[in-house]
Structures are given as C-alpha cells and as structure tokens.
C-alpha cells in the first residue's frame, strides 16, 4: 500500500489545518478501536475493549473528574488522539489485583 491518502502538509491551506486535524484524530480513534476489537498485536484470548471516560467511571464507580485527574497514573489509560480511553481488561485486572482507587 504505497498510496498516500492525505495531501502533502506543505500544500494544505492554513484554514484547512484545524478541521483536517480533527478528522485525522477521529479516524485514528476509529482505527485504534478496530485494532483492539480485532485483537491486533499480541495474541489474546479475547479482544480488549476501550471504554470512554463515562463508561470507565461507571465501571469503577467514580467520577469522570477523578479519572481525568489520575489518568496519567492509572496503568489502564490510553490516549487516542486527544481522547482518553480505558482498557476494560486493564480495569478488570487492576480490580482483581486489589488495586486501590481512592
């Protein structure tokens, strides 16, 4: 696949940069979610699911603010573009390991 989908950045008009970056971030998020859902990477028994902040907060019974403040320290947090996502498997593993979330 030697074909380029995106234009040369030097040829992009300045007013097109922000909308193009937003589209690329959305595409990156969708592609990453597909990779995780398909179990791409190391072989796994079942595919992991990346949860949104709202879904992870509900699963952990905490607030969204609590997750945002601690995201860098939580081992199951991933940044996909500008968005935070949380590994469902990672949360389950942390709970089973007795990780304290307070």
Protein backbone atom coordinates (compact mmCIF):
# COMPACT_ATOMS: atom_id res chain seq x y z
CA UNK A 1 0.00 0.00 0.00
CA UNK A 2 2.25 2.76 -1.28
CA UNK A 3 -0.59 5.18 -1.98
CA UNK A 4 -0.86 8.34 0.11
CA UNK A 5 -4.36 9.19 1.28
CA UNK A 6 -3.60 12.60 2.75
CA UNK A 7 -2.26 15.63 0.88
CA UNK A 8 1.26 16.89 1.37
CA UNK A 9 1.13 19.04 4.56
CA UNK A 10 3.01 21.82 2.78
CA UNK A 11 0.12 22.12 0.31
CA UNK A 12 -2.67 22.39 2.91
CA UNK A 13 -4.23 25.82 3.24
CA UNK A 14 -3.93 27.28 6.78
CA UNK A 15 -7.73 27.45 7.28
CA UNK A 16 -7.97 23.72 6.47
CA UNK A 17 -5.44 22.59 9.08
CA UNK A 18 -7.69 22.53 12.19
CA UNK A 19 -10.62 20.70 10.54
CA UNK A 20 -8.24 18.24 8.90
CA UNK A 21 -6.54 17.52 12.24
CA UNK A 22 -9.94 16.88 13.85
CA UNK A 23 -10.84 14.44 11.07
CA UNK A 24 -7.49 12.66 11.44
CA UNK A 25 -7.94 12.35 15.23
CA UNK A 26 -11.40 10.83 14.72
CA UNK A 27 -10.02 8.43 12.12
CA UNK A 28 -7.14 7.45 14.43
CA UNK A 29 -9.59 6.73 17.24
CA UNK A 30 -11.78 4.58 14.99
CA UNK A 31 -8.81 2.64 13.58
CA UNK A 32 -7.36 2.06 17.06
CA UNK A 33 -10.71 0.79 18.30
CA UNK A 34 -10.90 -1.61 15.34
CA UNK A 35 -7.40 -2.91 16.09
CA UNK A 36 -8.26 -3.51 19.72
CA UNK A 37 -11.59 -5.14 18.84
CA UNK A 38 -9.87 -7.48 16.39
CA UNK A 39 -7.20 -8.41 18.91
CA UNK A 40 -4.40 -6.97 16.77
CA UNK A 41 -0.98 -7.19 18.31
CA UNK A 42 -0.02 -9.96 20.71
CA UNK A 43 -2.35 -12.95 20.61
CA UNK A 44 -5.04 -12.69 23.26
CA UNK A 45 -7.84 -14.96 24.38
CA UNK A 46 -10.42 -12.26 23.86
CA UNK A 47 -10.24 -8.76 22.44
CA UNK A 48 -9.95 -5.86 24.85
CA UNK A 49 -12.46 -3.03 24.71
CA UNK A 50 -11.51 0.62 25.09
CA UNK A 51 -14.00 2.40 27.32
CA UNK A 52 -14.89 6.09 27.27
CA UNK A 53 -14.41 8.19 30.40
CA UNK A 54 -18.12 7.84 31.18
CA UNK A 55 -18.06 4.04 30.79
CA UNK A 56 -14.89 3.65 32.86
CA UNK A 57 -16.25 5.92 35.60
CA UNK A 58 -19.42 3.84 35.80
CA UNK A 59 -17.42 0.60 35.94
CA UNK A 60 -15.13 1.94 38.68
CA UNK A 61 -17.96 3.74 40.49
CA UNK A 62 -16.07 7.02 40.50
CA UNK A 63 -16.50 10.43 38.91
CA UNK A 64 -15.23 11.48 35.49
CA UNK A 65 -13.20 14.22 37.21
CA UNK A 66 -11.49 11.62 39.42
CA UNK A 67 -10.43 9.67 36.31
CA UNK A 68 -9.20 12.76 34.46
CA UNK A 69 -7.09 13.85 37.45
CA UNK A 70 -5.44 10.42 37.82
CA UNK A 71 -5.30 9.31 34.19
CA UNK A 72 -1.51 9.57 33.88
CA UNK A 73 -1.03 7.30 36.92
CA UNK A 74 -3.56 4.61 36.03
CA UNK A 75 -1.99 1.68 34.16
CA UNK A 76 -5.08 1.04 32.03
CA UNK A 77 -5.34 4.53 30.49
CA UNK A 78 -4.64 5.18 26.82
CA UNK A 79 -4.62 8.40 24.88
CA UNK A 80 -6.09 8.11 21.41
CA UNK A 81 -5.53 11.45 19.76
CA UNK A 82 -6.93 13.98 22.21
CA UNK A 83 -9.27 11.43 23.80
CA UNK A 84 -8.73 9.30 26.88
CA UNK A 85 -9.74 5.66 26.69
CA UNK A 86 -9.56 3.00 29.36
CA UNK A 87 -8.83 -0.68 28.83
CA UNK A 88 -11.72 -2.80 30.07
CA UNK A 89 -9.35 -5.73 30.59
CA UNK A 90 -6.87 -3.47 32.41
CA UNK A 91 -9.60 -2.24 34.77
CA UNK A 92 -10.70 -5.82 35.47
CA UNK A 93 -7.09 -6.91 36.09
CA UNK A 94 -6.50 -3.98 38.46
CA UNK A 95 -9.67 -4.80 40.40
CA UNK A 96 -8.68 -8.49 40.67
CA UNK A 97 -5.18 -7.47 41.83
CA UNK A 98 -6.73 -5.40 44.61
CA UNK A 99 -5.56 -2.03 43.28
CA UNK A 100 -6.89 0.76 45.47
CA UNK A 101 -8.59 3.54 43.52
CA UNK A 102 -9.21 6.01 46.33
